[in-house]
Amino acid sequence: DIDDSHGINFSLYLSLQELGNIRVDFHTNQEGVYLKFNCESVEKAEFVSEFQDILKDALSTKKLLGVIFTDQADDPANELIKRMVPEGKSILDTTV
C-alpha cells in the first residue's frame, strides 16, 4: 500500500502529432487531485483548456481540486535526460 497522506506527485509526458509536447503534472492527496497541463504554446494551452469540463466529468475516483494550463512543455526525451543525468554532468565522456 502507498501512504499518500502527504500526496503523490508524478508527470505524464505526451508527444501528440497536432498538439506537440505536453507534460501533465499530477499531485494527488487524500482530498483530491491537482493537474497542470504544460503545453508548447499559449495557443495550445488555451485550446486544451476548452476541454476542462469534460475532464472534470471524466474523473470519478478523485475530486478535481484544480487545473492549470501553461506554455512550459519541453521535449519529453530532453526532460527524461535531465532527470537521469545529475546537474553539471554529461551523458557523454568528452575528456581527451
Protein backbone atom coordinates (compact mmCIF):
# COMPACT_ATOMS: atom_id res chain seq x y z
CA ASP A 1 0.00 0.00 0.00
CA ILE A 2 1.12 3.53 -0.76
CA ASP A 3 0.77 6.05 2.05
CA ASP A 4 -0.46 9.18 0.26
CA SER A 5 -1.11 11.24 3.39
CA HIS A 6 1.39 13.84 2.10
CA GLY A 7 0.43 13.38 -1.52
CA ILE A 8 1.88 11.71 -4.56
CA ASN A 9 3.47 13.62 -7.44
CA PHE A 10 4.08 12.27 -10.92
CA SER A 11 4.19 13.50 -14.52
CA LEU A 12 2.89 12.13 -17.80
CA TYR A 13 4.83 13.10 -20.92
CA LEU A 14 2.94 13.13 -24.22
CA SER A 15 4.07 13.88 -27.74
CA LEU A 16 0.96 14.39 -29.85
CA GLN A 17 1.00 14.95 -33.59
CA GLU A 18 -1.22 18.05 -33.68
CA LEU A 19 -0.66 19.42 -30.16
CA GLY A 20 3.06 18.75 -29.84
CA ASN A 21 4.67 18.01 -26.50
CA ILE A 22 2.51 18.09 -23.39
CA ARG A 23 3.56 17.34 -19.82
CA VAL A 24 0.75 16.68 -17.37
CA ASP A 25 1.82 17.10 -13.74
CA PHE A 26 -0.33 15.33 -11.14
CA HIS A 27 -0.43 15.98 -7.42
CA THR A 28 -2.80 13.73 -5.51
CA ASN A 29 -3.63 13.72 -1.85
CA GLN A 30 -6.48 12.50 0.36
CA GLU A 31 -8.66 15.44 -0.68
CA GLY A 32 -8.33 15.01 -4.46
CA VAL A 33 -6.08 15.76 -7.40
CA TYR A 34 -4.45 18.84 -8.92
CA LEU A 35 -3.49 18.80 -12.61
CA LYS A 36 -1.15 21.07 -14.53
CA PHE A 37 -1.09 20.83 -18.33
CA ASN A 38 2.20 22.17 -19.72
CA CYS A 39 1.79 22.76 -23.47
CA GLU A 40 4.23 24.15 -26.07
CA SER A 41 2.45 27.48 -26.59
CA VAL A 42 -0.19 29.74 -25.11
CA GLU A 43 -2.49 28.95 -28.05
CA LYS A 44 -2.24 25.20 -27.47
CA ALA A 45 -2.78 25.64 -23.72
CA GLU A 46 -5.90 27.71 -24.40
CA PHE A 47 -7.19 25.04 -26.81
CA VAL A 48 -6.62 22.21 -24.31
CA SER A 49 -8.26 24.26 -21.54
CA GLU A 50 -11.50 24.31 -23.54
CA PHE A 51 -11.94 20.62 -22.58
CA GLN A 52 -11.62 21.23 -18.83
CA ASP A 53 -15.30 20.48 -18.12
CA ILE A 54 -15.11 17.14 -19.94
CA LEU A 55 -12.05 16.27 -17.85
CA LYS A 56 -13.86 17.12 -14.62
CA ASP A 57 -16.79 14.91 -15.61
CA ALA A 58 -14.47 12.02 -16.56
CA LEU A 59 -12.67 11.93 -13.19
CA SER A 60 -14.64 9.67 -10.91
CA THR A 61 -12.29 8.35 -8.23
CA LYS A 62 -10.82 11.65 -7.01
CA LYS A 63 -12.19 15.15 -6.66
CA LEU A 64 -10.52 17.58 -9.07
CA LEU A 65 -9.18 20.37 -6.85
CA GLY A 66 -7.54 22.48 -9.54
CA VAL A 67 -6.40 22.56 -13.15
CA ILE A 68 -3.72 24.84 -14.64
CA PHE A 69 -2.78 25.23 -18.31
CA THR A 70 0.66 26.67 -19.23
CA ASP A 71 3.01 27.00 -22.19
CA GLN A 72 6.02 25.40 -20.45
CA ALA A 73 6.27 21.96 -22.10
CA ASP A 74 9.68 20.67 -23.15
CA ASP A 75 10.62 17.75 -25.37
CA PRO A 76 9.88 14.57 -23.35
CA ALA A 77 13.22 12.97 -24.28
CA ASN A 78 15.14 16.03 -23.08
CA GLU A 79 13.16 16.09 -19.84
CA LEU A 80 13.99 12.45 -19.13
CA ILE A 81 17.70 13.00 -19.83
CA LYS A 82 17.69 15.98 -17.42
CA ARG A 83 16.20 13.76 -14.71
CA MET A 84 18.63 10.89 -15.35
CA VAL A 85 21.87 12.90 -15.52
CA PRO A 86 22.96 14.90 -12.46
CA GLU A 87 23.18 18.67 -12.97
CA GLY A 88 26.59 19.71 -14.23
CA LYS A 89 27.33 16.23 -15.61
CA SER A 90 27.14 14.91 -19.17
CA ILE A 91 25.91 11.62 -20.61
CA LEU A 92 28.96 11.66 -22.91
CA ASP A 93 32.57 11.41 -21.77
CA THR A 94 34.14 14.38 -23.57
CA THR A 95 37.57 14.15 -21.94
CA VAL A 96 40.54 13.60 -24.23
